[in-house]
Amino acid sequence: MYGNLTDWRAHALARGNSAPTEANDAEALAALQRASDYIQYRYVAILAQGYDETLSVVEPATYEAARLELATPGLFTKTFTQSEQKVLTGVDSIRWTVTGKADGTHSAMPVSTLIHAMFEPYVNDPDDMNFGLRAVGG
């Protein structure tokens, strides 16, 4: 697990959020564990070469994810299909329009713009055509 309950509570209180402190330890730890899982499998897994889970943004990003998980348990573990990513765009002869990028690797995952911004400079985009390709030799 990234971070710990004491540091998460202090981090949240410094930002005016008392919810982690007001939550019982079991609920708060469960949210922190779910947040750690999300950060590990969504962001740490695609860190660029030279970076690992000791990167300075990992703990604060985990605390942000834990804040969201405490408020909405299971937020980052939703199960749904790509066809659910649509909006109603017509009423007569009902029409739906896909919203966003529905075919990307992480397109069906909830996104925190803050967490995404924290990791942006350090991750490889798995949908980038050059992802995983490396030149060998001279």
N, C-alpha and C. Protein backbone atom coordinates (compact mmCIF):
# COMPACT_ATOMS: atom_id res chain seq x y z
N MET A 1 0.86 -1.17 0.00
CA MET A 1 0.00 0.00 0.00
C MET A 1 0.90 1.23 0.00
N TYR A 2 0.50 2.23 -0.78
CA TYR A 2 1.25 3.48 -0.82
C TYR A 2 0.75 4.39 0.29
N GLY A 3 1.68 4.98 1.03
CA GLY A 3 1.32 5.89 2.10
C GLY A 3 0.82 5.15 3.33
N ASN A 4 0.27 5.91 4.25
CA ASN A 4 -0.28 5.33 5.47
C ASN A 4 -1.41 6.21 5.98
N LEU A 5 -2.17 5.68 6.89
CA LEU A 5 -3.37 6.35 7.37
C LEU A 5 -3.05 7.69 8.06
N THR A 6 -2.03 7.72 8.86
CA THR A 6 -1.67 8.95 9.57
C THR A 6 -1.30 10.06 8.59
N ASP A 7 -0.46 9.74 7.61
CA ASP A 7 -0.04 10.75 6.64
C ASP A 7 -1.19 11.17 5.73
N TRP A 8 -2.07 10.23 5.38
CA TRP A 8 -3.23 10.59 4.54
C TRP A 8 -4.14 11.56 5.29
N ARG A 9 -4.38 11.27 6.55
CA ARG A 9 -5.25 12.16 7.34
C ARG A 9 -4.64 13.55 7.46
N ALA A 10 -3.33 13.63 7.67
CA ALA A 10 -2.66 14.93 7.76
C ALA A 10 -2.72 15.66 6.41
N HIS A 11 -2.49 14.93 5.34
CA HIS A 11 -2.55 15.49 3.98
C HIS A 11 -3.94 16.07 3.73
N ALA A 12 -4.97 15.32 4.08
CA ALA A 12 -6.35 15.77 3.85
C ALA A 12 -6.69 16.97 4.72
N LEU A 13 -6.32 16.94 5.99
CA LEU A 13 -6.62 18.06 6.89
C LEU A 13 -5.95 19.35 6.41
N ALA A 14 -4.75 19.24 5.87
CA ALA A 14 -4.05 20.42 5.35
C ALA A 14 -4.80 21.05 4.18
N ARG A 15 -5.67 20.27 3.57
CA ARG A 15 -6.46 20.75 2.43
C ARG A 15 -7.92 21.00 2.80
N GLY A 16 -8.19 21.01 4.11
CA GLY A 16 -9.54 21.31 4.59
C GLY A 16 -10.51 20.16 4.52
N ASN A 17 -10.01 18.94 4.39
CA ASN A 17 -10.88 17.77 4.29
C ASN A 17 -10.71 16.91 5.54
N SER A 18 -11.73 16.87 6.37
CA SER A 18 -11.66 16.10 7.60
C SER A 18 -12.27 14.70 7.47
N ALA A 19 -12.78 14.36 6.30
CA ALA A 19 -13.45 13.06 6.11
C ALA A 19 -12.57 11.87 6.49
N PRO A 20 -11.29 11.82 6.09
CA PRO A 20 -10.48 10.67 6.48
C PRO A 20 -10.29 10.57 8.00
N THR A 21 -10.21 11.70 8.67
CA THR A 21 -10.06 11.71 10.11
C THR A 21 -11.36 11.29 10.80
N GLU A 22 -12.49 11.70 10.23
CA GLU A 22 -13.78 11.36 10.81
C GLU A 22 -14.19 9.92 10.54
N ALA A 23 -13.65 9.32 9.49
CA ALA A 23 -13.97 7.92 9.17
C ALA A 23 -13.29 6.99 10.16
N ASN A 24 -13.92 5.85 10.42
CA ASN A 24 -13.25 4.89 11.31
C ASN A 24 -12.05 4.30 10.57
N ASP A 25 -11.12 3.75 11.33
CA ASP A 25 -9.88 3.26 10.74
C ASP A 25 -10.11 2.21 9.65
N ALA A 26 -11.05 1.30 9.87
CA ALA A 26 -11.29 0.23 8.89
C ALA A 26 -11.76 0.81 7.55
N GLU A 27 -12.69 1.75 7.58
CA GLU A 27 -13.18 2.37 6.34
C GLU A 27 -12.08 3.16 5.65
N ALA A 28 -11.34 3.93 6.44
CA ALA A 28 -10.27 4.75 5.87
C ALA A 28 -9.16 3.88 5.27
N LEU A 29 -8.77 2.82 5.97
CA LEU A 29 -7.73 1.93 5.44
C LEU A 29 -8.19 1.21 4.18
N ALA A 30 -9.45 0.82 4.14
CA ALA A 30 -9.98 0.16 2.95
C ALA A 30 -9.94 1.12 1.76
N ALA A 31 -10.32 2.38 1.97
CA ALA A 31 -10.28 3.37 0.90
C ALA A 31 -8.84 3.61 0.43
N LEU A 32 -7.91 3.65 1.38
CA LEU A 32 -6.50 3.86 1.05
C LEU A 32 -5.96 2.65 0.27
N GLN A 33 -6.38 1.45 0.63
CA GLN A 33 -5.94 0.26 -0.10
C GLN A 33 -6.49 0.25 -1.52
N ARG A 34 -7.78 0.57 -1.68
CA ARG A 34 -8.37 0.62 -3.02
C ARG A 34 -7.69 1.69 -3.87
N ALA A 35 -7.38 2.82 -3.25
CA ALA A 35 -6.69 3.90 -3.95
C ALA A 35 -5.29 3.45 -4.38
N SER A 36 -4.60 2.75 -3.51
CA SER A 36 -3.27 2.24 -3.84
C SER A 36 -3.33 1.27 -5.01
N ASP A 37 -4.34 0.41 -5.01
CA ASP A 37 -4.52 -0.53 -6.12
C ASP A 37 -4.71 0.24 -7.43
N TYR A 38 -5.56 1.25 -7.39
CA TYR A 38 -5.81 2.05 -8.59
C TYR A 38 -4.53 2.72 -9.09
N ILE A 39 -3.81 3.36 -8.20
CA ILE A 39 -2.58 4.05 -8.59
C ILE A 39 -1.56 3.04 -9.13
N GLN A 40 -1.44 1.90 -8.48
CA GLN A 40 -0.48 0.89 -8.91
C GLN A 40 -0.79 0.37 -10.31
N TYR A 41 -2.04 0.00 -10.55
CA TYR A 41 -2.39 -0.64 -11.82
C TYR A 41 -2.70 0.34 -12.95
N ARG A 42 -3.05 1.55 -12.60
CA ARG A 42 -3.37 2.54 -13.63
C ARG A 42 -2.16 3.40 -14.00
N TYR A 43 -1.38 3.82 -13.03
CA TYR A 43 -0.30 4.76 -13.30
C TYR A 43 1.11 4.18 -13.09
N VAL A 44 1.36 3.56 -11.97
CA VAL A 44 2.70 3.03 -11.72
C VAL A 44 3.06 1.99 -12.79
N ALA A 45 2.08 1.24 -13.23
CA ALA A 45 2.32 0.20 -14.24
C ALA A 45 2.81 0.76 -15.58
N ILE A 46 2.53 2.03 -15.86
CA ILE A 46 2.95 2.60 -17.15
C ILE A 46 3.95 3.75 -16.99
N LEU A 47 4.65 3.77 -15.86
CA LEU A 47 5.67 4.80 -15.67
C LEU A 47 6.78 4.63 -16.72
N ALA A 48 7.28 5.73 -17.19
CA ALA A 48 8.36 5.73 -18.16
C ALA A 48 9.62 5.13 -17.54
N GLN A 49 10.51 4.67 -18.39
CA GLN A 49 11.77 4.10 -17.94
C GLN A 49 12.49 5.09 -17.04
N GLY A 50 13.02 4.60 -15.94
CA GLY A 50 13.74 5.43 -15.00
C GLY A 50 12.90 5.88 -13.81
N TYR A 51 11.60 5.63 -13.85
CA TYR A 51 10.72 5.98 -12.75
C TYR A 51 10.12 4.71 -12.17
N ASP A 52 9.84 4.74 -10.86
CA ASP A 52 9.19 3.60 -10.22
C ASP A 52 8.27 4.11 -9.12
N GLU A 53 7.78 3.20 -8.31
CA GLU A 53 6.80 3.58 -7.28
C GLU A 53 7.35 4.51 -6.20
N THR A 54 8.65 4.78 -6.22
CA THR A 54 9.22 5.74 -5.27
C THR A 54 9.10 7.18 -5.78
N LEU A 55 8.54 7.37 -6.97
CA LEU A 55 8.33 8.69 -7.54
C LEU A 55 7.55 9.56 -6.55
N SER A 56 7.93 10.79 -6.39
CA SER A 56 7.36 11.66 -5.36
C SER A 56 5.86 11.91 -5.48
N VAL A 57 5.28 11.73 -6.65
CA VAL A 57 3.84 11.99 -6.80
C VAL A 57 2.97 10.78 -6.42
N VAL A 58 3.58 9.62 -6.22
CA VAL A 58 2.78 8.41 -5.96
C VAL A 58 1.95 8.54 -4.69
N GLU A 59 2.57 8.94 -3.57
CA GLU A 59 1.79 9.04 -2.33
C GLU A 59 0.72 10.12 -2.40
N PRO A 60 1.03 11.37 -2.81
CA PRO A 60 -0.03 12.37 -2.87
C PRO A 60 -1.15 11.98 -3.84
N ALA A 61 -0.80 11.33 -4.93
CA ALA A 61 -1.84 10.87 -5.87
C ALA A 61 -2.70 9.79 -5.23
N THR A 62 -2.07 8.93 -4.45
CA THR A 62 -2.82 7.89 -3.74
C THR A 62 -3.77 8.53 -2.73
N TYR A 63 -3.32 9.56 -2.05
CA TYR A 63 -4.19 10.23 -1.07
C TYR A 63 -5.37 10.90 -1.76
N GLU A 64 -5.15 11.44 -2.95
CA GLU A 64 -6.25 12.03 -3.72
C GLU A 64 -7.23 10.94 -4.15
N ALA A 65 -6.71 9.82 -4.61
CA ALA A 65 -7.58 8.71 -5.00
C ALA A 65 -8.33 8.16 -3.78
N ALA A 66 -7.67 8.12 -2.65
CA ALA A 66 -8.32 7.63 -1.41
C ALA A 66 -9.45 8.56 -0.98
N ARG A 67 -9.25 9.86 -1.18
CA ARG A 67 -10.33 10.82 -0.87
C ARG A 67 -11.56 10.49 -1.71
N LEU A 68 -11.36 10.23 -2.98
CA LEU A 68 -12.47 9.90 -3.87
C LEU A 68 -13.08 8.54 -3.52
N GLU A 69 -12.24 7.58 -3.18
CA GLU A 69 -12.72 6.24 -2.80
C GLU A 69 -13.48 6.26 -1.48
N LEU A 70 -13.06 7.10 -0.55
CA LEU A 70 -13.78 7.18 0.72
C LEU A 70 -15.17 7.75 0.50
N ALA A 71 -15.28 8.75 -0.36
CA ALA A 71 -16.57 9.37 -0.65
C ALA A 71 -17.47 8.46 -1.48
N THR A 72 -16.87 7.69 -2.40
CA THR A 72 -17.63 6.80 -3.29
C THR A 72 -16.89 5.47 -3.39
N PRO A 73 -17.11 4.57 -2.43
CA PRO A 73 -16.40 3.28 -2.46
C PRO A 73 -16.59 2.55 -3.79
N GLY A 74 -15.47 2.08 -4.32
CA GLY A 74 -15.50 1.35 -5.58
C GLY A 74 -15.48 2.22 -6.82
N LEU A 75 -15.27 3.52 -6.66
CA LEU A 75 -15.29 4.44 -7.79
C LEU A 75 -14.37 3.99 -8.92
N PHE A 76 -13.17 3.55 -8.58
CA PHE A 76 -12.19 3.20 -9.60
C PHE A 76 -12.27 1.75 -10.05
N THR A 77 -13.27 1.01 -9.60
CA THR A 77 -13.40 -0.39 -9.99
C THR A 77 -14.77 -0.67 -10.61
N LYS A 78 -15.29 0.29 -11.32
CA LYS A 78 -16.57 0.10 -11.99
C LYS A 78 -16.44 -0.92 -13.11
N THR A 79 -17.53 -1.60 -13.37
CA THR A 79 -17.58 -2.53 -14.49
C THR A 79 -18.68 -2.07 -15.43
N PHE A 80 -18.31 -1.79 -16.67
CA PHE A 80 -19.29 -1.40 -17.67
C PHE A 80 -18.71 -1.62 -19.05
N THR A 81 -19.56 -1.52 -20.05
CA THR A 81 -19.11 -1.74 -21.42
C THR A 81 -18.89 -0.41 -22.13
N GLN A 82 -18.15 -0.45 -23.21
CA GLN A 82 -17.88 0.77 -23.97
C GLN A 82 -19.17 1.37 -24.51
N SER A 83 -20.17 0.53 -24.78
CA SER A 83 -21.42 1.06 -25.33
C SER A 83 -22.15 1.95 -24.33
N GLU A 84 -21.78 1.87 -23.06
CA GLU A 84 -22.39 2.74 -22.06
C GLU A 84 -21.82 4.16 -22.10
N GLN A 85 -20.76 4.37 -22.83
CA GLN A 85 -20.14 5.67 -22.96
C GLN A 85 -20.79 6.45 -24.09
N LYS A 86 -21.98 6.93 -23.83
CA LYS A 86 -22.72 7.63 -24.88
C LYS A 86 -23.68 8.62 -24.24
N VAL A 87 -24.16 9.54 -25.05
CA VAL A 87 -25.16 10.50 -24.61
C VAL A 87 -26.31 10.49 -25.62
N LEU A 88 -27.49 10.77 -25.13
CA LEU A 88 -28.65 10.86 -26.00
C LEU A 88 -28.56 12.15 -26.80
N THR A 89 -28.57 12.05 -28.13
CA THR A 89 -28.45 13.24 -28.98
C THR A 89 -29.68 13.48 -29.83
N GLY A 90 -30.66 12.65 -29.70
CA GLY A 90 -31.89 12.85 -30.46
C GLY A 90 -33.03 12.12 -29.77
N VAL A 91 -34.26 12.54 -30.04
CA VAL A 91 -35.42 11.91 -29.43
C VAL A 91 -36.21 11.13 -30.47
N ASP A 92 -36.61 11.79 -31.58
CA ASP A 92 -37.29 11.06 -32.65
C ASP A 92 -36.28 10.11 -33.27
N SER A 93 -36.69 8.87 -33.43
CA SER A 93 -35.77 7.84 -33.92
C SER A 93 -34.50 7.88 -33.07
N ILE A 94 -34.66 7.67 -31.81
CA ILE A 94 -33.63 7.84 -30.78
C ILE A 94 -32.21 7.63 -31.32
N ARG A 95 -31.34 8.61 -31.04
CA ARG A 95 -29.94 8.57 -31.49
C ARG A 95 -29.02 8.76 -30.29
N TRP A 96 -27.95 8.00 -30.29
CA TRP A 96 -26.92 8.09 -29.27
C TRP A 96 -25.61 8.47 -29.93
N THR A 97 -24.79 9.22 -29.22
CA THR A 97 -23.47 9.60 -29.73
C THR A 97 -22.44 9.20 -28.69
N VAL A 98 -21.39 8.51 -29.14
CA VAL A 98 -20.31 8.13 -28.26
C VAL A 98 -19.62 9.40 -27.78
N THR A 99 -19.28 9.43 -26.51
CA THR A 99 -18.59 10.60 -25.96
C THR A 99 -17.15 10.24 -25.63
N GLY A 100 -16.28 11.15 -25.82
CA GLY A 100 -14.88 10.93 -25.50
C GLY A 100 -14.22 9.91 -26.41
N LYS A 101 -13.13 9.39 -25.96
CA LYS A 101 -12.34 8.41 -26.71
C LYS A 101 -12.74 7.03 -26.21
N ALA A 102 -13.66 6.40 -26.87
CA ALA A 102 -14.25 5.15 -26.40
C ALA A 102 -13.40 3.91 -26.67
N ASP A 103 -12.32 4.04 -27.41
CA ASP A 103 -11.56 2.84 -27.76
C ASP A 103 -10.16 2.80 -27.15
N GLY A 104 -9.81 3.71 -26.29
CA GLY A 104 -8.49 3.73 -25.68
C GLY A 104 -8.35 2.71 -24.56
N THR A 105 -7.12 2.40 -24.20
CA THR A 105 -6.83 1.43 -23.16
C THR A 105 -7.54 1.76 -21.85
N HIS A 106 -7.54 3.02 -21.46
CA HIS A 106 -8.14 3.42 -20.19
C HIS A 106 -9.44 4.22 -20.38
N SER A 107 -10.05 4.10 -21.53
CA SER A 107 -11.20 4.95 -21.84
C SER A 107 -12.43 4.66 -20.97
N ALA A 108 -12.52 3.50 -20.40
CA ALA A 108 -13.69 3.16 -19.59
C ALA A 108 -13.43 3.35 -18.10
N MET A 109 -12.28 3.91 -17.75
CA MET A 109 -11.95 4.11 -16.33
C MET A 109 -12.27 5.54 -15.91
N PRO A 110 -12.79 5.70 -14.69
CA PRO A 110 -12.97 7.05 -14.18
C PRO A 110 -11.61 7.75 -14.08
N VAL A 111 -11.59 9.04 -14.29
CA VAL A 111 -10.34 9.79 -14.27
C VAL A 111 -10.47 10.99 -13.33
N SER A 112 -9.48 11.15 -12.49
CA SER A 112 -9.34 12.37 -11.70
C SER A 112 -8.37 13.25 -12.48
N THR A 113 -8.81 14.43 -12.86
CA THR A 113 -7.93 15.31 -13.63
C THR A 113 -6.69 15.69 -12.82
N LEU A 114 -6.82 15.81 -11.50
CA LEU A 114 -5.67 16.13 -10.67
C LEU A 114 -4.66 14.98 -10.67
N ILE A 115 -5.12 13.76 -10.45
CA ILE A 115 -4.21 12.61 -10.45
C ILE A 115 -3.56 12.47 -11.83
N HIS A 116 -4.35 12.62 -12.86
CA HIS A 116 -3.80 12.52 -14.22
C HIS A 116 -2.71 13.57 -14.45
N ALA A 117 -2.96 14.78 -14.01
CA ALA A 117 -1.98 15.85 -14.16
C ALA A 117 -0.71 15.56 -13.37
N MET A 118 -0.85 14.95 -12.21
CA MET A 118 0.31 14.62 -11.38
C MET A 118 1.23 13.63 -12.10
N PHE A 119 0.64 12.67 -12.79
CA PHE A 119 1.43 11.62 -13.45
C PHE A 119 1.80 11.93 -14.90
N GLU A 120 1.15 12.89 -15.50
CA GLU A 120 1.32 13.17 -16.94
C GLU A 120 2.78 13.21 -17.40
N PRO A 121 3.67 13.89 -16.69
CA PRO A 121 5.05 13.96 -17.20
C PRO A 121 5.84 12.65 -17.08
N TYR A 122 5.30 11.68 -16.34
CA TYR A 122 6.07 10.49 -15.99
C TYR A 122 5.58 9.19 -16.60
N VAL A 123 4.47 9.21 -17.32
CA VAL A 123 3.91 7.96 -17.83
C VAL A 123 4.01 7.85 -19.35
N ASN A 124 4.01 6.61 -19.80
CA ASN A 124 3.93 6.32 -21.22
C ASN A 124 2.47 6.08 -21.56
N ASP A 125 2.00 6.62 -22.66
CA ASP A 125 0.62 6.41 -23.09
C ASP A 125 0.54 5.07 -23.80
N PRO A 126 -0.20 4.09 -23.25
CA PRO A 126 -0.27 2.78 -23.90
C PRO A 126 -0.97 2.82 -25.26
N ASP A 127 -1.65 3.90 -25.58
CA ASP A 127 -2.30 4.02 -26.89
C ASP A 127 -1.45 4.76 -27.90
N ASP A 128 -0.27 5.21 -27.47
CA ASP A 128 0.67 5.87 -28.38
C ASP A 128 1.26 4.81 -29.30
N MET A 129 1.32 5.12 -30.57
CA MET A 129 1.83 4.17 -31.56
C MET A 129 3.25 3.70 -31.24
N ASN A 130 4.03 4.51 -30.54
CA ASN A 130 5.41 4.16 -30.24
C ASN A 130 5.57 3.50 -28.88
N PHE A 131 4.50 3.29 -28.16
CA PHE A 131 4.58 2.68 -26.84
C PHE A 131 5.21 1.30 -26.93
N GLY A 132 6.24 1.07 -26.15
CA GLY A 132 6.86 -0.23 -26.10
C GLY A 132 7.93 -0.47 -27.14
N LEU A 133 8.11 0.42 -28.10
CA LEU A 133 9.14 0.22 -29.12
C LEU A 133 10.43 0.91 -28.68
N ARG A 134 11.51 0.18 -28.78
CA ARG A 134 12.80 0.72 -28.39
C ARG A 134 13.80 0.38 -29.49
N ALA A 135 14.68 1.31 -29.81
CA ALA A 135 15.74 1.06 -30.79
C ALA A 135 16.89 0.36 -30.09
N VAL A 136 17.45 -0.64 -30.74
CA VAL A 136 18.58 -1.36 -30.20
C VAL A 136 19.75 -1.21 -31.15
N GLY A 137 20.89 -0.91 -30.62
CA GLY A 137 22.09 -0.78 -31.46
C GLY A 137 22.30 0.66 -31.90
N GLY A 138 23.20 0.85 -32.82
CA GLY A 138 23.56 2.19 -33.24
C GLY A 138 22.98 2.57 -34.49
